[in-house]
C-alpha atoms as a PDB file:
ATOM      1  CA  MET A   1      -0.005   0.005   0.000  1.00  0.00           C
ATOM      2  CA  MET A   2       2.826   2.415   0.809  1.00  0.00           C
ATOM      3  CA  ASP A   3       4.339   1.851  -2.648  1.00  0.00           C
ATOM      4  CA  GLU A   4       0.976   2.792  -4.210  1.00  0.00           C
ATOM      5  CA  LEU A   5       0.743   5.942  -2.100  1.00  0.00           C
ATOM      6  CA  MET A   6       4.311   6.957  -2.973  1.00  0.00           C
ATOM      7  CA  LYS A   7       3.607   6.451  -6.696  1.00  0.00           C
ATOM      8  CA  LEU A   8       0.452   8.559  -6.377  1.00  0.00           C
ATOM      9  CA  LYS A   9       2.381  11.320  -4.578  1.00  0.00           C
ATOM     10  CA  ARG A  10       5.146  11.299  -7.219  1.00  0.00           C
ATOM     11  CA  GLY A  11       2.517  11.378  -9.977  1.00  0.00           C
ATOM     12  CA  GLU A  12       0.778  14.368  -8.404  1.00  0.00           C
ATOM     13  CA  GLU A  13       4.116  16.141  -7.913  1.00  0.00           C
ATOM     14  CA  GLU A  14       5.014  15.546 -11.555  1.00  0.00           C
ATOM     15  CA  LEU A  15       1.590  16.772 -12.676  1.00  0.00           C
ATOM     16  CA  ALA A  16       2.002  19.886 -10.509  1.00  0.00           C
ATOM     17  CA  SER A  17       5.331  20.602 -12.161  1.00  0.00           C
ATOM     18  CA  TYR A  18       3.557  20.995 -15.509  1.00  0.00           C
ATOM     19  CA  ALA A  19       1.241  23.639 -14.048  1.00  0.00           C
ATOM     20  CA  GLY A  20       3.894  26.333 -14.482  1.00  0.00           C
ATOM     21  CA  GLU A  21       5.253  28.962 -12.173  1.00  0.00           C
ATOM     22  CA  GLU A  22       1.881  30.304 -11.019  1.00  0.00           C
ATOM     23  CA  LYS A  23       1.338  30.468  -7.273  1.00  0.00           C
ATOM     24  CA  SER A  24      -2.230  29.146  -7.562  1.00  0.00           C
ATOM     25  CA  HIS A  25      -3.256  26.008  -9.405  1.00  0.00           C
ATOM     26  CA  TYR A  26      -7.036  25.920  -9.313  1.00  0.00           C
ATOM     27  CA  GLY A  27      -7.518  23.762 -12.417  1.00  0.00           C
ATOM     28  CA  GLY A  28      -8.441  20.146 -12.028  1.00  0.00           C
ATOM     29  CA  CYS A  29     -10.667  17.379 -13.304  1.00  0.00           C
ATOM     30  CA  THR A  30     -12.374  14.237 -12.138  1.00  0.00           C
ATOM     31  CA  ALA A  31     -11.942  10.804 -13.681  1.00  0.00           C
ATOM     32  CA  THR A  32     -13.395   7.344 -13.856  1.00  0.00           C
ATOM     33  CA  THR A  33     -12.148   4.246 -15.593  1.00  0.00           C
ATOM     34  CA  VAL A  34     -13.210   0.664 -16.051  1.00  0.00           C
ATOM     35  CA  ILE A  35     -11.229  -2.496 -16.719  1.00  0.00           C
ATOM     36  CA  ILE A  36     -13.181  -5.570 -17.772  1.00  0.00           C
ATOM     37  CA  THR A  37     -11.606  -8.999 -17.469  1.00  0.00           C
ATOM     38  CA  LYS A  38     -13.049 -12.397 -18.224  1.00  0.00           C
ATOM     39  CA  ASP A  39     -14.371 -12.730 -14.661  1.00  0.00           C
ATOM     40  CA  GLU A  40     -14.479  -9.257 -13.106  1.00  0.00           C
ATOM     41  CA  ILE A  41     -15.238  -5.586 -13.698  1.00  0.00           C
ATOM     42  CA  TYR A  42     -13.000  -3.018 -11.986  1.00  0.00           C
ATOM     43  CA  CYS A  43     -14.188   0.584 -11.665  1.00  0.00           C
ATOM     44  CA  ALA A  44     -11.957   3.330 -10.267  1.00  0.00           C
ATOM     45  CA  ASN A  45     -13.430   6.764  -9.611  1.00  0.00           C
ATOM     46  CA  ALA A  46     -12.091  10.051  -8.247  1.00  0.00           C
ATOM     47  CA  GLY A  47     -14.579  12.937  -8.197  1.00  0.00           C
ATOM     48  CA  ASP A  48     -18.048  13.243  -9.628  1.00  0.00           C
ATOM     49  CA  SER A  49     -17.535  11.473 -12.935  1.00  0.00           C
ATOM     50  CA  ARG A  50     -20.067   8.663 -13.178  1.00  0.00           C
ATOM     51  CA  THR A  51     -19.829   5.054 -14.265  1.00  0.00           C
ATOM     52  CA  VAL A  52     -22.863   2.841 -14.721  1.00  0.00           C
ATOM     53  CA  LEU A  53     -23.254  -0.825 -15.579  1.00  0.00           C
ATOM     54  CA  SER A  54     -26.070  -2.174 -17.704  1.00  0.00           C
ATOM     55  CA  VAL A  55     -27.797  -4.964 -15.784  1.00  0.00           C
ATOM     56  CA  ASN A  56     -30.561  -6.519 -17.873  1.00  0.00           C
ATOM     57  CA  GLY A  57     -30.771  -3.258 -19.785  1.00  0.00           C
ATOM     58  CA  LYS A  58     -31.050  -1.006 -16.719  1.00  0.00           C
ATOM     59  CA  ALA A  59     -28.302   1.317 -15.487  1.00  0.00           C
ATOM     60  CA  GLU A  60     -26.817   0.583 -12.061  1.00  0.00           C
ATOM     61  CA  ASN A  61     -24.171   2.800 -10.474  1.00  0.00           C
ATOM     62  CA  LEU A  62     -20.638   1.443 -10.322  1.00  0.00           C
ATOM     63  CA  SER A  63     -19.281   4.644  -8.804  1.00  0.00           C
ATOM     64  CA  ASP A  64     -20.363   7.169  -6.200  1.00  0.00           C
ATOM     65  CA  ASP A  65     -19.825  10.908  -6.479  1.00  0.00           C
ATOM     66  CA  HIS A  66     -17.204  12.358  -4.144  1.00  0.00           C
ATOM     67  CA  LYS A  67     -18.936  15.401  -2.757  1.00  0.00           C
ATOM     68  CA  PRO A  68     -17.626  17.505   0.150  1.00  0.00           C
ATOM     69  CA  ASP A  69     -20.856  17.030   2.135  1.00  0.00           C
ATOM     70  CA  ASN A  70     -20.359  13.243   2.286  1.00  0.00           C
ATOM     71  CA  LEU A  71     -19.477  12.442   5.913  1.00  0.00           C
ATOM     72  CA  GLU A  72     -16.204  10.577   5.244  1.00  0.00           C
ATOM     73  CA  GLU A  73     -15.096  13.136   2.662  1.00  0.00           C
ATOM     74  CA  LYS A  74     -15.924  16.012   5.012  1.00  0.00           C
ATOM     75  CA  LYS A  75     -13.865  14.428   7.828  1.00  0.00           C
ATOM     76  CA  ARG A  76     -10.812  14.194   5.556  1.00  0.00           C
ATOM     77  CA  ILE A  77     -11.271  17.772   4.346  1.00  0.00           C
ATOM     78  CA  GLN A  78     -11.532  19.117   7.904  1.00  0.00           C
ATOM     79  CA  ASN A  79      -8.617  17.002   9.140  1.00  0.00           C
ATOM     80  CA  ALA A  80      -6.475  18.612   6.424  1.00  0.00           C
ATOM     81  CA  GLY A  81      -7.315  22.101   7.679  1.00  0.00           C
ATOM     82  CA  CYS A  82     -10.029  23.090   5.189  1.00  0.00           C
ATOM     83  CA  TYR A  83     -13.781  23.480   5.622  1.00  0.00           C
ATOM     84  CA  VAL A  84     -17.017  22.683   3.784  1.00  0.00           C
ATOM     85  CA  GLU A  85     -19.515  25.467   3.161  1.00  0.00           C
ATOM     86  CA  GLY A  86     -22.356  25.475   0.661  1.00  0.00           C
ATOM     87  CA  GLY A  87     -21.405  21.947  -0.429  1.00  0.00           C
ATOM     88  CA  ARG A  88     -17.935  23.122  -1.484  1.00  0.00           C
ATOM     89  CA  VAL A  89     -14.401  22.790  -0.161  1.00  0.00           C
ATOM     90  CA  ASN A  90     -13.460  26.200   1.274  1.00  0.00           C
ATOM     91  CA  SER A  91     -16.678  27.514  -0.352  1.00  0.00           C
ATOM     92  CA  THR A  92     -15.045  27.028  -3.776  1.00  0.00           C
ATOM     93  CA  LEU A  93     -14.550  23.467  -5.068  1.00  0.00           C
ATOM     94  CA  ALA A  94     -17.659  21.300  -5.547  1.00  0.00           C
ATOM     95  CA  VAL A  95     -15.828  17.944  -5.442  1.00  0.00           C
ATOM     96  CA  SER A  96     -13.716  16.343  -2.726  1.00  0.00           C
ATOM     97  CA  ARG A  97     -11.556  14.206  -5.037  1.00  0.00           C
ATOM     98  CA  ALA A  98      -9.882  15.398  -8.196  1.00  0.00           C
ATOM     99  CA  LEU A  99      -6.753  15.342 -10.312  1.00  0.00           C
ATOM    100  CA  GLY A 100      -4.996  18.684 -10.084  1.00  0.00           C
ATOM    101  CA  ASP A 101      -6.553  21.351  -7.797  1.00  0.00           C
ATOM    102  CA  PHE A 102      -3.178  21.594  -6.064  1.00  0.00           C
ATOM    103  CA  ASP A 103      -4.166  24.463  -3.759  1.00  0.00           C
ATOM    104  CA  TYR A 104      -6.094  21.863  -1.743  1.00  0.00           C
ATOM    105  CA  LYS A 105      -3.143  19.438  -1.558  1.00  0.00           C
ATOM    106  CA  ARG A 106      -0.596  21.354   0.468  1.00  0.00           C
ATOM    107  CA  HIS A 107      -0.882  20.058   4.022  1.00  0.00           C
ATOM    108  CA  PRO A 108       2.758  19.325   4.880  1.00  0.00           C
ATOM    109  CA  SER A 109       2.002  16.472   7.304  1.00  0.00           C
ATOM    110  CA  PHE A 110      -0.258  14.408   5.040  1.00  0.00           C
ATOM    111  CA  ASN A 111       0.472  12.189   2.081  1.00  0.00           C
ATOM    112  CA  ALA A 112      -1.643  12.458  -1.085  1.00  0.00           C
ATOM    113  CA  LYS A 113      -4.429  10.185   0.123  1.00  0.00           C
ATOM    114  CA  PHE A 114      -5.231  12.370   3.138  1.00  0.00           C
ATOM    115  CA  GLN A 115      -5.064  15.850   1.624  1.00  0.00           C
ATOM    116  CA  ALA A 116      -8.262  17.943   1.683  1.00  0.00           C
ATOM    117  CA  VAL A 117      -8.822  17.060  -1.982  1.00  0.00           C
ATOM    118  CA  THR A 118      -7.267  13.771  -3.034  1.00  0.00           C
ATOM    119  CA  ALA A 119      -6.866  12.000  -6.348  1.00  0.00           C
ATOM    120  CA  PHE A 120      -6.935   8.647  -4.542  1.00  0.00           C
ATOM    121  CA  PRO A 121      -9.811   6.712  -6.186  1.00  0.00           C
ATOM    122  CA  ASP A 122     -12.461   4.419  -4.807  1.00  0.00           C
ATOM    123  CA  VAL A 123     -12.215   1.056  -6.573  1.00  0.00           C
ATOM    124  CA  ALA A 124     -15.147  -1.319  -6.975  1.00  0.00           C
ATOM    125  CA  VAL A 125     -14.679  -4.927  -8.064  1.00  0.00           C
ATOM    126  CA  ILE A 126     -17.753  -6.674  -9.468  1.00  0.00           C
ATOM    127  CA  LYS A 127     -17.992 -10.317 -10.488  1.00  0.00           C
ATOM    128  CA  ARG A 128     -19.123 -10.504 -14.122  1.00  0.00           C
ATOM    129  CA  GLU A 129     -22.537 -12.036 -14.622  1.00  0.00           C
ATOM    130  CA  PRO A 130     -24.452 -12.952 -17.816  1.00  0.00           C
ATOM    131  CA  GLU A 131     -26.938 -10.075 -17.251  1.00  0.00           C
ATOM    132  CA  HIS A 132     -24.114  -7.480 -17.476  1.00  0.00           C
END
């Protein structure tokens, strides 16, 4: 797990280096991805991008939105020294997980997973069934 966290931190640091010399880096995005194997479906999500799975022709959520008002997300945001107001991190950002948005990832004591806004995804693993 530590290796994964270190890779994520290095990736975010490299991404931040492309942002230029500006003092503020407010740009960011959310992401979701799916990998389908013979037996399983893997869905990784960071932010409010949505992934659904067709089950007998009906859409079922594979991912959940990462909103600042969500209890677990709010705890992480507050632990990192930020606040949630009006459903936004520091009254500004409407998601609690994102790529980029480096102004919310500066707490010196926390690794990337525990910053106010993290790129660390939730991952769902679903066993493939014939109705999918």
